[in-house]
């Protein structure tokens, strides 16, 4: 258990302290680490540098906001693709309320929580946060955020898939899909189309079956 946690933190001593504070529950310890990283003391952060980092990507025509062009530049500096899960992770941690947009307050507060006052530190944090998705609770939190992240402004459902199957995805369907794929002994062949799952999930199962033929 100690060895598993040590790969994420800076020392065995820190890992042991996290485990003690979490009643020796590895999942709780990992979640605590990623929610309030202890590997960098916030008192040592140069908050002025965080502000400058934000301003590098800030839209000159939209005060206190990083828009799509700035997001593309940020991704380039971080060495990540904006279409990958790494961008979703960093968007979540930096408080993006919608795709392709960061607000100054959320961005700077997110950097403080991550202990990052430079693009190099933020780049390193991405790798650590990516590894943290092995924790089911952390992954589930990101999954829930992805729904909010993917919605268009003012919409309650996801419409990005509508051209493919003619239906928007509601929050309930999104949440139930997570439960669906995490069923014990999950098997497409034994799926009951007469069960309580949303019709969209039944249609998804039929699609997968046809694709596998």
N, C-alpha and C. Protein backbone atom coordinates (compact mmCIF):
# COMPACT_ATOMS: atom_id res chain seq x y z
N UNK A 1 0.83 -1.21 0.00
CA UNK A 1 0.00 0.00 0.00
C UNK A 1 0.87 1.25 0.00
N UNK A 2 1.91 1.26 0.87
CA UNK A 2 2.80 2.41 0.94
C UNK A 2 3.53 2.60 -0.38
N UNK A 3 3.95 1.48 -0.98
CA UNK A 3 4.65 1.55 -2.25
C UNK A 3 3.78 2.11 -3.36
N UNK A 4 2.50 1.74 -3.37
CA UNK A 4 1.58 2.23 -4.39
C UNK A 4 1.41 3.74 -4.30
N UNK A 5 1.33 4.26 -3.07
CA UNK A 5 1.12 5.69 -2.90
C UNK A 5 2.39 6.48 -3.16
N UNK A 6 3.55 5.88 -2.87
CA UNK A 6 4.83 6.57 -3.03
C UNK A 6 5.08 7.00 -4.46
N UNK A 7 4.54 6.25 -5.43
CA UNK A 7 4.76 6.61 -6.83
C UNK A 7 4.10 7.94 -7.20
N UNK A 8 3.16 8.41 -6.37
CA UNK A 8 2.48 9.67 -6.67
C UNK A 8 3.01 10.84 -5.85
N UNK A 9 3.57 10.58 -4.68
CA UNK A 9 4.02 11.65 -3.80
C UNK A 9 5.54 11.73 -3.82
N UNK A 10 6.09 12.65 -3.04
CA UNK A 10 7.53 12.91 -3.14
C UNK A 10 8.38 12.02 -2.24
N UNK A 11 7.79 11.39 -1.22
CA UNK A 11 8.59 10.58 -0.30
C UNK A 11 7.72 9.56 0.41
N UNK A 12 8.37 8.54 0.98
CA UNK A 12 7.64 7.55 1.77
C UNK A 12 7.04 8.19 3.02
N UNK A 13 7.75 9.17 3.56
CA UNK A 13 7.25 9.86 4.76
C UNK A 13 5.92 10.55 4.47
N UNK A 14 5.85 11.24 3.32
CA UNK A 14 4.60 11.91 2.96
C UNK A 14 3.50 10.89 2.70
N UNK A 15 3.86 9.77 2.05
CA UNK A 15 2.87 8.73 1.77
C UNK A 15 2.32 8.16 3.06
N UNK A 16 3.20 7.90 4.03
CA UNK A 16 2.76 7.34 5.31
C UNK A 16 1.84 8.30 6.05
N UNK A 17 2.17 9.60 6.00
CA UNK A 17 1.33 10.60 6.67
C UNK A 17 -0.05 10.67 6.03
N UNK A 18 -0.10 10.63 4.70
CA UNK A 18 -1.38 10.65 4.00
C UNK A 18 -2.23 9.44 4.37
N UNK A 19 -1.60 8.28 4.45
CA UNK A 19 -2.33 7.06 4.80
C UNK A 19 -2.85 7.11 6.23
N UNK A 20 -2.04 7.60 7.14
CA UNK A 20 -2.49 7.72 8.54
C UNK A 20 -3.69 8.66 8.64
N UNK A 21 -3.62 9.76 7.91
CA UNK A 21 -4.72 10.73 7.95
C UNK A 21 -5.98 10.20 7.28
N UNK A 22 -5.83 9.14 6.48
CA UNK A 22 -6.96 8.58 5.74
C UNK A 22 -7.38 7.21 6.28
N UNK A 23 -6.97 6.91 7.53
CA UNK A 23 -7.29 5.62 8.16
C UNK A 23 -6.82 4.46 7.30
N UNK A 24 -5.68 4.64 6.64
CA UNK A 24 -5.03 3.60 5.85
C UNK A 24 -5.89 3.11 4.69
N UNK A 25 -6.72 4.01 4.18
CA UNK A 25 -7.51 3.72 2.98
C UNK A 25 -6.80 4.36 1.79
N UNK A 26 -6.27 3.53 0.88
CA UNK A 26 -5.47 4.03 -0.23
C UNK A 26 -6.26 4.98 -1.12
N UNK A 27 -7.51 4.63 -1.44
CA UNK A 27 -8.32 5.48 -2.31
C UNK A 27 -8.56 6.85 -1.69
N UNK A 28 -8.86 6.86 -0.39
CA UNK A 28 -9.09 8.13 0.30
C UNK A 28 -7.81 8.96 0.32
N UNK A 29 -6.67 8.29 0.55
CA UNK A 29 -5.39 8.99 0.58
C UNK A 29 -5.05 9.61 -0.76
N UNK A 30 -5.28 8.86 -1.84
CA UNK A 30 -5.01 9.39 -3.18
C UNK A 30 -5.90 10.57 -3.50
N UNK A 31 -7.17 10.43 -3.15
CA UNK A 31 -8.10 11.53 -3.42
C UNK A 31 -7.71 12.78 -2.64
N UNK A 32 -7.28 12.60 -1.41
CA UNK A 32 -6.84 13.72 -0.58
C UNK A 32 -5.63 14.40 -1.20
N UNK A 33 -4.72 13.59 -1.73
CA UNK A 33 -3.52 14.15 -2.35
C UNK A 33 -3.85 15.00 -3.56
N UNK A 34 -4.74 14.49 -4.42
CA UNK A 34 -5.04 15.22 -5.65
C UNK A 34 -5.97 16.40 -5.43
N UNK A 35 -6.79 16.34 -4.38
CA UNK A 35 -7.66 17.47 -4.09
C UNK A 35 -6.88 18.61 -3.43
N UNK A 36 -5.91 18.27 -2.58
CA UNK A 36 -5.12 19.28 -1.88
C UNK A 36 -3.66 18.87 -1.91
N UNK A 37 -3.01 19.01 -3.07
CA UNK A 37 -1.63 18.54 -3.21
C UNK A 37 -0.70 19.13 -2.16
N UNK A 38 0.06 18.26 -1.52
CA UNK A 38 0.98 18.70 -0.48
C UNK A 38 2.42 18.79 -0.98
N UNK A 39 2.64 18.37 -2.25
CA UNK A 39 4.01 18.30 -2.72
C UNK A 39 4.63 19.66 -2.98
N UNK A 40 3.79 20.74 -3.04
CA UNK A 40 4.33 22.10 -3.17
C UNK A 40 3.59 22.99 -2.17
N UNK A 41 4.32 23.68 -1.35
CA UNK A 41 3.69 24.57 -0.36
C UNK A 41 3.20 25.83 -1.05
N UNK A 42 1.92 26.14 -0.84
CA UNK A 42 1.36 27.30 -1.52
C UNK A 42 2.02 28.59 -1.05
N UNK A 43 2.59 28.58 0.15
CA UNK A 43 3.25 29.79 0.64
C UNK A 43 4.47 30.15 -0.19
N UNK A 44 5.04 29.16 -0.89
CA UNK A 44 6.22 29.40 -1.71
C UNK A 44 5.87 29.79 -3.14
N UNK A 45 4.60 29.79 -3.47
CA UNK A 45 4.20 30.10 -4.84
C UNK A 45 4.34 31.59 -5.12
N UNK A 46 4.74 31.88 -6.35
CA UNK A 46 4.82 33.27 -6.79
C UNK A 46 3.50 33.60 -7.49
N UNK A 47 2.57 34.15 -6.73
CA UNK A 47 1.24 34.41 -7.30
C UNK A 47 1.31 35.40 -8.45
N UNK A 48 2.29 36.31 -8.41
CA UNK A 48 2.43 37.25 -9.52
C UNK A 48 2.79 36.51 -10.80
N UNK A 49 3.54 35.42 -10.67
CA UNK A 49 3.91 34.63 -11.85
C UNK A 49 2.70 33.89 -12.40
N UNK A 50 1.80 33.47 -11.52
CA UNK A 50 0.57 32.82 -11.97
C UNK A 50 -0.27 33.81 -12.77
N UNK A 51 -0.35 35.04 -12.28
CA UNK A 51 -1.09 36.07 -13.00
C UNK A 51 -0.48 36.31 -14.38
N UNK A 52 0.85 36.37 -14.43
CA UNK A 52 1.52 36.59 -15.71
C UNK A 52 1.30 35.41 -16.66
N UNK A 53 1.28 34.21 -16.08
CA UNK A 53 1.04 33.02 -16.91
C UNK A 53 -0.35 33.10 -17.53
N UNK A 54 -1.32 33.51 -16.73
CA UNK A 54 -2.67 33.66 -17.27
C UNK A 54 -2.69 34.71 -18.37
N UNK A 55 -2.05 35.83 -18.12
CA UNK A 55 -2.09 36.95 -19.07
C UNK A 55 -1.41 36.62 -20.40
N UNK A 56 -0.51 35.66 -20.38
CA UNK A 56 0.12 35.23 -21.63
C UNK A 56 -0.91 34.69 -22.61
N UNK A 57 -1.95 34.05 -22.08
CA UNK A 57 -2.96 33.40 -22.92
C UNK A 57 -4.28 34.17 -22.96
N UNK A 58 -4.37 35.25 -22.20
CA UNK A 58 -5.61 36.02 -22.10
C UNK A 58 -6.01 36.62 -23.46
N UNK A 59 -7.29 36.60 -23.73
CA UNK A 59 -7.82 37.20 -24.95
C UNK A 59 -7.75 38.72 -24.82
N UNK A 60 -7.05 39.41 -25.73
CA UNK A 60 -6.93 40.87 -25.63
C UNK A 60 -8.26 41.60 -25.76
N UNK A 61 -9.24 40.93 -26.34
CA UNK A 61 -10.55 41.57 -26.54
C UNK A 61 -11.58 41.15 -25.50
N UNK A 62 -11.18 40.25 -24.58
CA UNK A 62 -12.12 39.77 -23.56
C UNK A 62 -11.38 39.69 -22.23
N UNK A 63 -11.52 40.71 -21.44
CA UNK A 63 -10.76 40.84 -20.19
C UNK A 63 -10.99 39.67 -19.25
N UNK A 64 -9.89 39.23 -18.61
CA UNK A 64 -9.92 38.17 -17.59
C UNK A 64 -10.42 36.84 -18.14
N UNK A 65 -10.24 36.61 -19.43
CA UNK A 65 -10.72 35.38 -20.05
C UNK A 65 -9.71 34.84 -21.05
N UNK A 66 -9.45 33.55 -20.96
CA UNK A 66 -8.71 32.84 -22.00
C UNK A 66 -9.74 32.17 -22.89
N UNK A 67 -9.70 32.46 -24.17
CA UNK A 67 -10.66 31.88 -25.10
C UNK A 67 -9.97 30.82 -25.96
N UNK A 68 -10.62 30.40 -27.03
CA UNK A 68 -10.15 29.25 -27.80
C UNK A 68 -8.71 29.41 -28.28
N UNK A 69 -8.37 30.56 -28.83
CA UNK A 69 -7.01 30.76 -29.33
C UNK A 69 -5.98 30.62 -28.22
N UNK A 70 -6.29 31.20 -27.06
CA UNK A 70 -5.39 31.08 -25.92
C UNK A 70 -5.28 29.65 -25.42
N UNK A 71 -6.39 28.92 -25.47
CA UNK A 71 -6.37 27.51 -25.07
C UNK A 71 -5.46 26.69 -25.98
N UNK A 72 -5.49 27.00 -27.27
CA UNK A 72 -4.63 26.30 -28.21
C UNK A 72 -3.16 26.56 -27.90
N UNK A 73 -2.83 27.81 -27.57
CA UNK A 73 -1.46 28.15 -27.21
C UNK A 73 -1.05 27.48 -25.90
N UNK A 74 -1.97 27.45 -24.94
CA UNK A 74 -1.70 26.78 -23.67
C UNK A 74 -1.41 25.31 -23.89
N UNK A 75 -2.23 24.66 -24.70
CA UNK A 75 -2.02 23.24 -24.99
C UNK A 75 -0.67 23.00 -25.65
N UNK A 76 -0.30 23.89 -26.56
CA UNK A 76 0.99 23.75 -27.24
C UNK A 76 2.13 23.84 -26.24
N UNK A 77 2.04 24.79 -25.31
CA UNK A 77 3.09 24.95 -24.30
C UNK A 77 3.12 23.79 -23.31
N UNK A 78 1.97 23.20 -23.07
CA UNK A 78 1.90 22.04 -22.15
C UNK A 78 2.28 20.74 -22.85
N UNK A 79 2.34 20.78 -24.17
CA UNK A 79 2.68 19.58 -24.93
C UNK A 79 1.54 18.58 -24.97
N UNK A 80 0.30 19.09 -24.97
CA UNK A 80 -0.86 18.20 -25.01
C UNK A 80 -1.76 18.58 -26.18
N UNK A 81 -2.59 17.64 -26.58
CA UNK A 81 -3.56 17.86 -27.65
C UNK A 81 -4.88 18.28 -27.01
N UNK A 82 -5.52 19.34 -27.50
CA UNK A 82 -6.78 19.79 -26.89
C UNK A 82 -7.93 18.80 -27.04
N UNK A 83 -7.74 17.75 -27.86
CA UNK A 83 -8.81 16.76 -28.03
C UNK A 83 -8.61 15.55 -27.11
N UNK A 84 -7.57 15.55 -26.29
CA UNK A 84 -7.29 14.40 -25.44
C UNK A 84 -7.77 14.61 -24.01
N UNK A 85 -7.71 13.54 -23.24
CA UNK A 85 -8.19 13.60 -21.86
C UNK A 85 -7.32 14.51 -21.00
N UNK A 86 -6.06 14.70 -21.38
CA UNK A 86 -5.19 15.58 -20.61
C UNK A 86 -5.74 17.01 -20.56
N UNK A 87 -6.31 17.47 -21.67
CA UNK A 87 -6.89 18.82 -21.66
C UNK A 87 -8.15 18.86 -20.80
N UNK A 88 -8.91 17.79 -20.81
CA UNK A 88 -10.09 17.71 -19.93
C UNK A 88 -9.66 17.78 -18.47
N UNK A 89 -8.59 17.06 -18.14
CA UNK A 89 -8.08 17.05 -16.77
C UNK A 89 -7.67 18.44 -16.33
N UNK A 90 -6.86 19.11 -17.16
CA UNK A 90 -6.36 20.43 -16.76
C UNK A 90 -7.49 21.45 -16.75
N UNK A 91 -8.46 21.29 -17.63
CA UNK A 91 -9.62 22.19 -17.63
C UNK A 91 -10.40 22.06 -16.33
N UNK A 92 -10.56 20.82 -15.88
CA UNK A 92 -11.25 20.56 -14.62
C UNK A 92 -10.51 21.20 -13.46
N UNK A 93 -9.21 20.97 -13.40
CA UNK A 93 -8.42 21.46 -12.27
C UNK A 93 -8.28 22.98 -12.25
N UNK A 94 -8.39 23.59 -13.42
CA UNK A 94 -8.28 25.05 -13.49
C UNK A 94 -9.65 25.72 -13.58
N UNK A 95 -10.69 24.95 -13.31
CA UNK A 95 -12.02 25.53 -13.13
C UNK A 95 -12.71 26.02 -14.38
N UNK A 96 -12.39 25.45 -15.54
CA UNK A 96 -13.09 25.86 -16.76
C UNK A 96 -14.55 25.43 -16.69
N UNK A 97 -15.45 26.36 -16.90
CA UNK A 97 -16.88 26.06 -16.81
C UNK A 97 -17.45 25.60 -18.14
N UNK A 98 -16.70 25.84 -19.21
CA UNK A 98 -17.10 25.34 -20.52
C UNK A 98 -15.86 25.12 -21.37
N UNK A 99 -16.03 24.37 -22.44
CA UNK A 99 -14.91 24.01 -23.30
C UNK A 99 -14.29 25.25 -23.94
N UNK A 100 -12.95 25.32 -23.88
CA UNK A 100 -12.25 26.39 -24.56
C UNK A 100 -12.31 27.74 -23.89
N UNK A 101 -12.51 27.77 -22.57
CA UNK A 101 -12.60 29.06 -21.88
C UNK A 101 -12.16 28.93 -20.43
N UNK A 102 -11.23 29.78 -20.02
CA UNK A 102 -10.79 29.86 -18.62
C UNK A 102 -11.00 31.28 -18.12
N UNK A 103 -11.52 31.42 -16.92
CA UNK A 103 -11.65 32.71 -16.27
C UNK A 103 -10.46 32.92 -15.34
N UNK A 104 -10.03 34.18 -15.21
CA UNK A 104 -8.81 34.47 -14.45
C UNK A 104 -8.87 33.91 -13.02
N UNK A 105 -9.94 34.19 -12.29
CA UNK A 105 -10.01 33.77 -10.89
C UNK A 105 -9.92 32.26 -10.76
N UNK A 106 -10.68 31.53 -11.57
CA UNK A 106 -10.66 30.07 -11.50
C UNK A 106 -9.30 29.51 -11.90
N UNK A 107 -8.73 30.07 -12.96
CA UNK A 107 -7.43 29.60 -13.45
C UNK A 107 -6.36 29.78 -12.38
N UNK A 108 -6.30 30.98 -11.79
CA UNK A 108 -5.26 31.27 -10.81
C UNK A 108 -5.46 30.46 -9.53
N UNK A 109 -6.71 30.32 -9.08
CA UNK A 109 -6.97 29.50 -7.90
C UNK A 109 -6.61 28.05 -8.15
N UNK A 110 -6.90 27.57 -9.37
CA UNK A 110 -6.55 26.19 -9.72
C UNK A 110 -5.05 25.97 -9.69
N UNK A 111 -4.29 26.94 -10.21
CA UNK A 111 -2.83 26.83 -10.19
C UNK A 111 -2.29 26.82 -8.77
N UNK A 112 -2.90 27.62 -7.90
CA UNK A 112 -2.48 27.64 -6.50
C UNK A 112 -2.72 26.29 -5.85
N UNK A 113 -3.90 25.70 -6.08
CA UNK A 113 -4.22 24.40 -5.51
C UNK A 113 -3.27 23.32 -6.03
N UNK A 114 -2.87 23.45 -7.28
CA UNK A 114 -1.95 22.47 -7.87
C UNK A 114 -0.50 22.74 -7.50
N UNK A 115 -0.23 23.92 -6.95
CA UNK A 115 1.14 24.27 -6.62
C UNK A 115 1.97 24.62 -7.83
N UNK A 116 1.36 25.26 -8.82
CA UNK A 116 2.04 25.54 -10.09
C UNK A 116 2.08 27.04 -10.36
N UNK A 117 3.29 27.60 -10.40
CA UNK A 117 3.42 29.02 -10.74
C UNK A 117 4.23 29.21 -12.02
N UNK A 118 4.36 28.15 -12.81
CA UNK A 118 5.04 28.23 -14.10
C UNK A 118 4.45 27.18 -15.03
N UNK A 119 4.65 27.39 -16.31
CA UNK A 119 4.12 26.43 -17.29
C UNK A 119 4.83 25.09 -17.15
N UNK A 120 6.10 25.12 -16.73
CA UNK A 120 6.84 23.87 -16.54
C UNK A 120 6.22 23.04 -15.42
N UNK A 121 5.88 23.68 -14.32
CA UNK A 121 5.25 22.97 -13.21
C UNK A 121 3.87 22.46 -13.60
N UNK A 122 3.15 23.26 -14.37
CA UNK A 122 1.83 22.84 -14.81
C UNK A 122 1.94 21.65 -15.75
N UNK A 123 2.95 21.65 -16.60
CA UNK A 123 3.18 20.53 -17.52
C UNK A 123 3.46 19.25 -16.73
N UNK A 124 4.27 19.36 -15.69
CA UNK A 124 4.57 18.18 -14.86
C UNK A 124 3.33 17.71 -14.11
N UNK A 125 2.49 18.65 -13.69
CA UNK A 125 1.28 18.29 -12.95
C UNK A 125 0.32 17.49 -13.80
N UNK A 126 0.29 17.78 -15.11
CA UNK A 126 -0.62 17.06 -16.00
C UNK A 126 -0.35 15.56 -15.95
N UNK A 127 0.92 15.18 -15.99
CA UNK A 127 1.27 13.76 -15.94
C UNK A 127 0.85 13.11 -14.64
N UNK A 128 1.04 13.80 -13.53
CA UNK A 128 0.65 13.26 -12.23
C UNK A 128 -0.87 13.12 -12.14
N UNK A 129 -1.58 14.12 -12.63
CA UNK A 129 -3.04 14.07 -12.58
C UNK A 129 -3.58 12.97 -13.49
N UNK A 130 -2.90 12.76 -14.62
CA UNK A 130 -3.32 11.68 -15.53
C UNK A 130 -3.19 10.34 -14.84
N UNK A 131 -2.10 10.14 -14.12
CA UNK A 131 -1.89 8.89 -13.39
C UNK A 131 -2.95 8.70 -12.30
N UNK A 132 -3.43 9.81 -11.75
CA UNK A 132 -4.43 9.73 -10.69
C UNK A 132 -5.76 9.17 -11.12
N UNK A 133 -6.00 9.11 -12.44
CA UNK A 133 -7.28 8.58 -12.93
C UNK A 133 -7.42 7.08 -12.67
N UNK A 134 -6.33 6.44 -12.24
CA UNK A 134 -6.44 5.04 -11.85
C UNK A 134 -7.29 4.88 -10.59
N UNK A 135 -7.47 5.98 -9.88
CA UNK A 135 -8.35 5.98 -8.72
C UNK A 135 -9.79 6.17 -9.19
N UNK A 136 -10.66 5.23 -8.85
CA UNK A 136 -12.03 5.24 -9.38
C UNK A 136 -12.80 6.50 -8.99
N UNK A 137 -12.62 6.97 -7.76
CA UNK A 137 -13.35 8.15 -7.31
C UNK A 137 -12.93 9.39 -8.10
N UNK A 138 -11.62 9.52 -8.33
CA UNK A 138 -11.12 10.65 -9.10
C UNK A 138 -11.62 10.58 -10.54
N UNK A 139 -11.60 9.37 -11.12
CA UNK A 139 -12.08 9.21 -12.49
C UNK A 139 -13.56 9.56 -12.59
N UNK A 140 -14.34 9.11 -11.62
CA UNK A 140 -15.78 9.38 -11.64
C UNK A 140 -16.05 10.89 -11.55
N UNK A 141 -15.28 11.58 -10.73
CA UNK A 141 -15.42 13.03 -10.62
C UNK A 141 -15.16 13.70 -11.97
N UNK A 142 -14.12 13.24 -12.66
CA UNK A 142 -13.80 13.81 -13.97
C UNK A 142 -14.87 13.46 -14.99
N UNK A 143 -15.40 12.25 -14.90
CA UNK A 143 -16.48 11.83 -15.81
C UNK A 143 -17.69 12.75 -15.65
N UNK A 144 -18.06 13.04 -14.42
CA UNK A 144 -19.20 13.93 -14.17
C UNK A 144 -18.92 15.33 -14.71
N UNK A 145 -17.69 15.79 -14.53
CA UNK A 145 -17.31 17.11 -15.03
C UNK A 145 -17.38 17.17 -16.55
N UNK A 146 -17.05 16.08 -17.22
CA UNK A 146 -17.03 16.06 -18.69
C UNK A 146 -18.38 16.44 -19.27
N UNK A 147 -19.46 16.07 -18.59
CA UNK A 147 -20.79 16.43 -19.08
C UNK A 147 -20.97 17.95 -19.05
N UNK A 148 -20.61 18.57 -17.94
CA UNK A 148 -20.73 20.03 -17.81
C UNK A 148 -19.81 20.73 -18.81
N UNK A 149 -18.63 20.19 -18.97
CA UNK A 149 -17.61 20.77 -19.85
C UNK A 149 -18.06 20.74 -21.31
N UNK A 150 -18.77 19.68 -21.69
CA UNK A 150 -19.14 19.50 -23.08
C UNK A 150 -20.42 20.20 -23.50
N UNK A 151 -21.19 20.70 -22.54
CA UNK A 151 -22.45 21.36 -22.89
C UNK A 151 -22.20 22.73 -23.52
N UNK A 152 -23.08 23.09 -24.43
CA UNK A 152 -23.06 24.44 -24.97
C UNK A 152 -23.66 25.39 -23.93
N UNK A 153 -23.26 26.63 -23.98
CA UNK A 153 -23.75 27.62 -23.01
C UNK A 153 -25.27 27.69 -23.04
N UNK A 154 -25.88 27.60 -21.84
CA UNK A 154 -27.32 27.71 -21.72
C UNK A 154 -28.09 26.43 -21.98
N UNK A 155 -27.38 25.34 -22.31
CA UNK A 155 -28.04 24.07 -22.59
C UNK A 155 -27.97 23.14 -21.39
N UNK A 156 -28.98 22.28 -21.23
CA UNK A 156 -29.00 21.32 -20.14
C UNK A 156 -28.55 19.93 -20.58
N UNK A 157 -28.45 19.72 -21.89
CA UNK A 157 -28.07 18.41 -22.41
C UNK A 157 -26.89 18.55 -23.36
N UNK A 158 -26.28 17.41 -23.69
CA UNK A 158 -25.20 17.39 -24.67
C UNK A 158 -25.79 17.19 -26.06
N UNK A 159 -25.49 18.11 -26.96
CA UNK A 159 -26.03 18.03 -28.31
C UNK A 159 -24.97 17.64 -29.34
N UNK A 160 -23.73 17.45 -28.89
CA UNK A 160 -22.64 17.14 -29.81
C UNK A 160 -22.80 15.83 -30.55
N UNK A 161 -23.59 14.90 -29.98
CA UNK A 161 -23.78 13.59 -30.60
C UNK A 161 -25.07 13.53 -31.42
N UNK A 162 -25.82 14.62 -31.45
CA UNK A 162 -27.16 14.59 -32.04
C UNK A 162 -27.12 14.24 -33.53
N UNK A 163 -26.10 14.69 -34.24
CA UNK A 163 -26.02 14.40 -35.67
C UNK A 163 -25.84 12.91 -35.94
N UNK A 164 -25.30 12.18 -34.96
CA UNK A 164 -25.05 10.75 -35.14
C UNK A 164 -26.28 9.89 -34.87
N UNK A 165 -27.05 10.23 -33.85
CA UNK A 165 -28.20 9.38 -33.51
C UNK A 165 -29.49 10.16 -33.31
N UNK A 166 -29.47 11.47 -33.56
CA UNK A 166 -30.70 12.26 -33.54
C UNK A 166 -31.21 12.63 -32.17
N UNK A 167 -30.45 12.34 -31.11
CA UNK A 167 -30.93 12.63 -29.76
C UNK A 167 -29.83 13.29 -28.95
N UNK A 168 -30.23 14.24 -28.12
CA UNK A 168 -29.29 14.84 -27.18
C UNK A 168 -29.14 13.89 -25.98
N UNK A 169 -28.05 14.06 -25.24
CA UNK A 169 -27.79 13.22 -24.08
C UNK A 169 -28.07 14.03 -22.82
N UNK A 170 -29.02 13.56 -22.03
CA UNK A 170 -29.38 14.26 -20.79
C UNK A 170 -28.38 13.92 -19.68
N UNK A 171 -28.43 14.71 -18.61
CA UNK A 171 -27.55 14.45 -17.47
C UNK A 171 -27.85 13.07 -16.86
N UNK A 172 -29.12 12.71 -16.76
CA UNK A 172 -29.48 11.41 -16.20
C UNK A 172 -28.90 10.27 -17.02
N UNK A 173 -29.02 10.38 -18.36
CA UNK A 173 -28.49 9.32 -19.22
C UNK A 173 -26.97 9.24 -19.08
N UNK A 174 -26.31 10.37 -19.01
CA UNK A 174 -24.86 10.40 -18.84
C UNK A 174 -24.45 9.69 -17.55
N UNK A 175 -25.14 10.00 -16.45
CA UNK A 175 -24.82 9.38 -15.17
C UNK A 175 -25.10 7.89 -15.18
N UNK A 176 -26.23 7.50 -15.78
CA UNK A 176 -26.60 6.08 -15.82
C UNK A 176 -25.66 5.28 -16.70
N UNK A 177 -25.10 5.90 -17.73
CA UNK A 177 -24.17 5.18 -18.59
C UNK A 177 -22.93 4.75 -17.80
N UNK A 178 -22.48 5.60 -16.89
CA UNK A 178 -21.34 5.23 -16.04
C UNK A 178 -21.69 4.01 -15.19
N UNK A 179 -22.89 4.02 -14.61
CA UNK A 179 -23.34 2.87 -13.82
C UNK A 179 -23.47 1.63 -14.70
N UNK A 180 -23.93 1.83 -15.92
CA UNK A 180 -24.15 0.72 -16.84
C UNK A 180 -22.85 -0.02 -17.15
N UNK A 181 -21.82 0.72 -17.52
CA UNK A 181 -20.56 0.06 -17.90
C UNK A 181 -19.77 -0.43 -16.70
N UNK A 182 -20.17 -0.03 -15.49
CA UNK A 182 -19.48 -0.49 -14.29
C UNK A 182 -20.27 -1.55 -13.53
N UNK A 183 -21.22 -2.17 -14.21
CA UNK A 183 -21.96 -3.27 -13.59
C UNK A 183 -21.02 -4.45 -13.32
N UNK A 184 -21.21 -5.15 -12.22
CA UNK A 184 -20.45 -6.38 -11.98
C UNK A 184 -20.74 -7.39 -13.10
N UNK A 185 -19.70 -8.01 -13.60
CA UNK A 185 -19.84 -9.03 -14.65
C UNK A 185 -20.55 -8.46 -15.89
N UNK A 186 -20.22 -7.23 -16.23
CA UNK A 186 -20.83 -6.57 -17.38
C UNK A 186 -20.60 -7.37 -18.66
N UNK A 187 -21.68 -7.61 -19.41
CA UNK A 187 -21.60 -8.39 -20.64
C UNK A 187 -22.68 -7.91 -21.60
N UNK A 188 -22.26 -7.48 -22.78
CA UNK A 188 -23.22 -6.99 -23.77
C UNK A 188 -24.22 -8.06 -24.18
N UNK A 189 -23.75 -9.30 -24.24
CA UNK A 189 -24.61 -10.39 -24.72
C UNK A 189 -25.77 -10.67 -23.79
N UNK A 190 -25.60 -10.37 -22.52
CA UNK A 190 -26.67 -10.66 -21.56
C UNK A 190 -27.50 -9.41 -21.23
N UNK A 191 -27.27 -8.33 -21.96
CA UNK A 191 -28.02 -7.10 -21.69
C UNK A 191 -29.51 -7.30 -21.96
N UNK A 192 -30.32 -6.85 -21.01
CA UNK A 192 -31.78 -6.97 -21.12
C UNK A 192 -32.35 -5.66 -21.64
N UNK A 193 -32.77 -5.66 -22.89
CA UNK A 193 -33.33 -4.45 -23.51
C UNK A 193 -34.65 -4.04 -22.88
N UNK A 194 -35.26 -4.94 -22.11
CA UNK A 194 -36.52 -4.63 -21.44
C UNK A 194 -36.29 -4.12 -20.03
N UNK A 195 -35.03 -3.93 -19.67
CA UNK A 195 -34.70 -3.47 -18.33
C UNK A 195 -34.97 -1.99 -18.15
N UNK A 196 -34.41 -1.44 -17.09
CA UNK A 196 -34.72 -0.05 -16.72
C UNK A 196 -33.75 0.98 -17.29
N UNK A 197 -32.83 0.53 -18.14
CA UNK A 197 -31.86 1.47 -18.70
C UNK A 197 -32.52 2.37 -19.73
N UNK A 198 -32.02 3.60 -19.91
CA UNK A 198 -32.58 4.49 -20.94
C UNK A 198 -32.50 3.85 -22.33
N UNK A 199 -33.43 4.22 -23.18
CA UNK A 199 -33.48 3.66 -24.54
C UNK A 199 -32.17 3.93 -25.28
N UNK A 200 -31.58 5.06 -25.04
CA UNK A 200 -30.33 5.41 -25.72
C UNK A 200 -29.23 4.40 -25.41
N UNK A 201 -29.20 3.89 -24.19
CA UNK A 201 -28.22 2.87 -23.82
C UNK A 201 -28.53 1.56 -24.53
N UNK A 202 -29.81 1.21 -24.61
CA UNK A 202 -30.20 0.00 -25.35
C UNK A 202 -29.75 0.10 -26.81
N UNK A 203 -29.94 1.28 -27.40
CA UNK A 203 -29.54 1.48 -28.79
C UNK A 203 -28.03 1.41 -28.94
N UNK A 204 -27.31 1.87 -27.94
CA UNK A 204 -25.85 1.79 -27.96
C UNK A 204 -25.39 0.34 -27.94
N UNK A 205 -26.03 -0.47 -27.12
CA UNK A 205 -25.69 -1.89 -27.06
C UNK A 205 -25.93 -2.56 -28.41
N UNK A 206 -27.05 -2.26 -29.03
CA UNK A 206 -27.35 -2.83 -30.35
C UNK A 206 -26.32 -2.41 -31.38
N UNK A 207 -25.89 -1.16 -31.30
CA UNK A 207 -24.87 -0.66 -32.21
C UNK A 207 -23.57 -1.44 -32.04
N UNK A 208 -23.15 -1.65 -30.78
CA UNK A 208 -21.91 -2.38 -30.52
C UNK A 208 -22.00 -3.82 -31.01
N UNK A 209 -23.16 -4.43 -30.83
CA UNK A 209 -23.33 -5.81 -31.28
C UNK A 209 -23.21 -5.91 -32.80
N UNK A 210 -23.80 -4.96 -33.51
CA UNK A 210 -23.72 -4.97 -34.97
C UNK A 210 -22.30 -4.73 -35.44
N UNK A 211 -21.59 -3.84 -34.74
CA UNK A 211 -20.21 -3.53 -35.13
C UNK A 211 -19.29 -4.73 -34.93
N UNK A 212 -19.63 -5.59 -33.97
CA UNK A 212 -18.77 -6.74 -33.67
C UNK A 212 -19.07 -7.94 -34.55
N UNK A 213 -20.12 -7.87 -35.35
CA UNK A 213 -20.48 -9.01 -36.21
C UNK A 213 -19.53 -9.14 -37.39
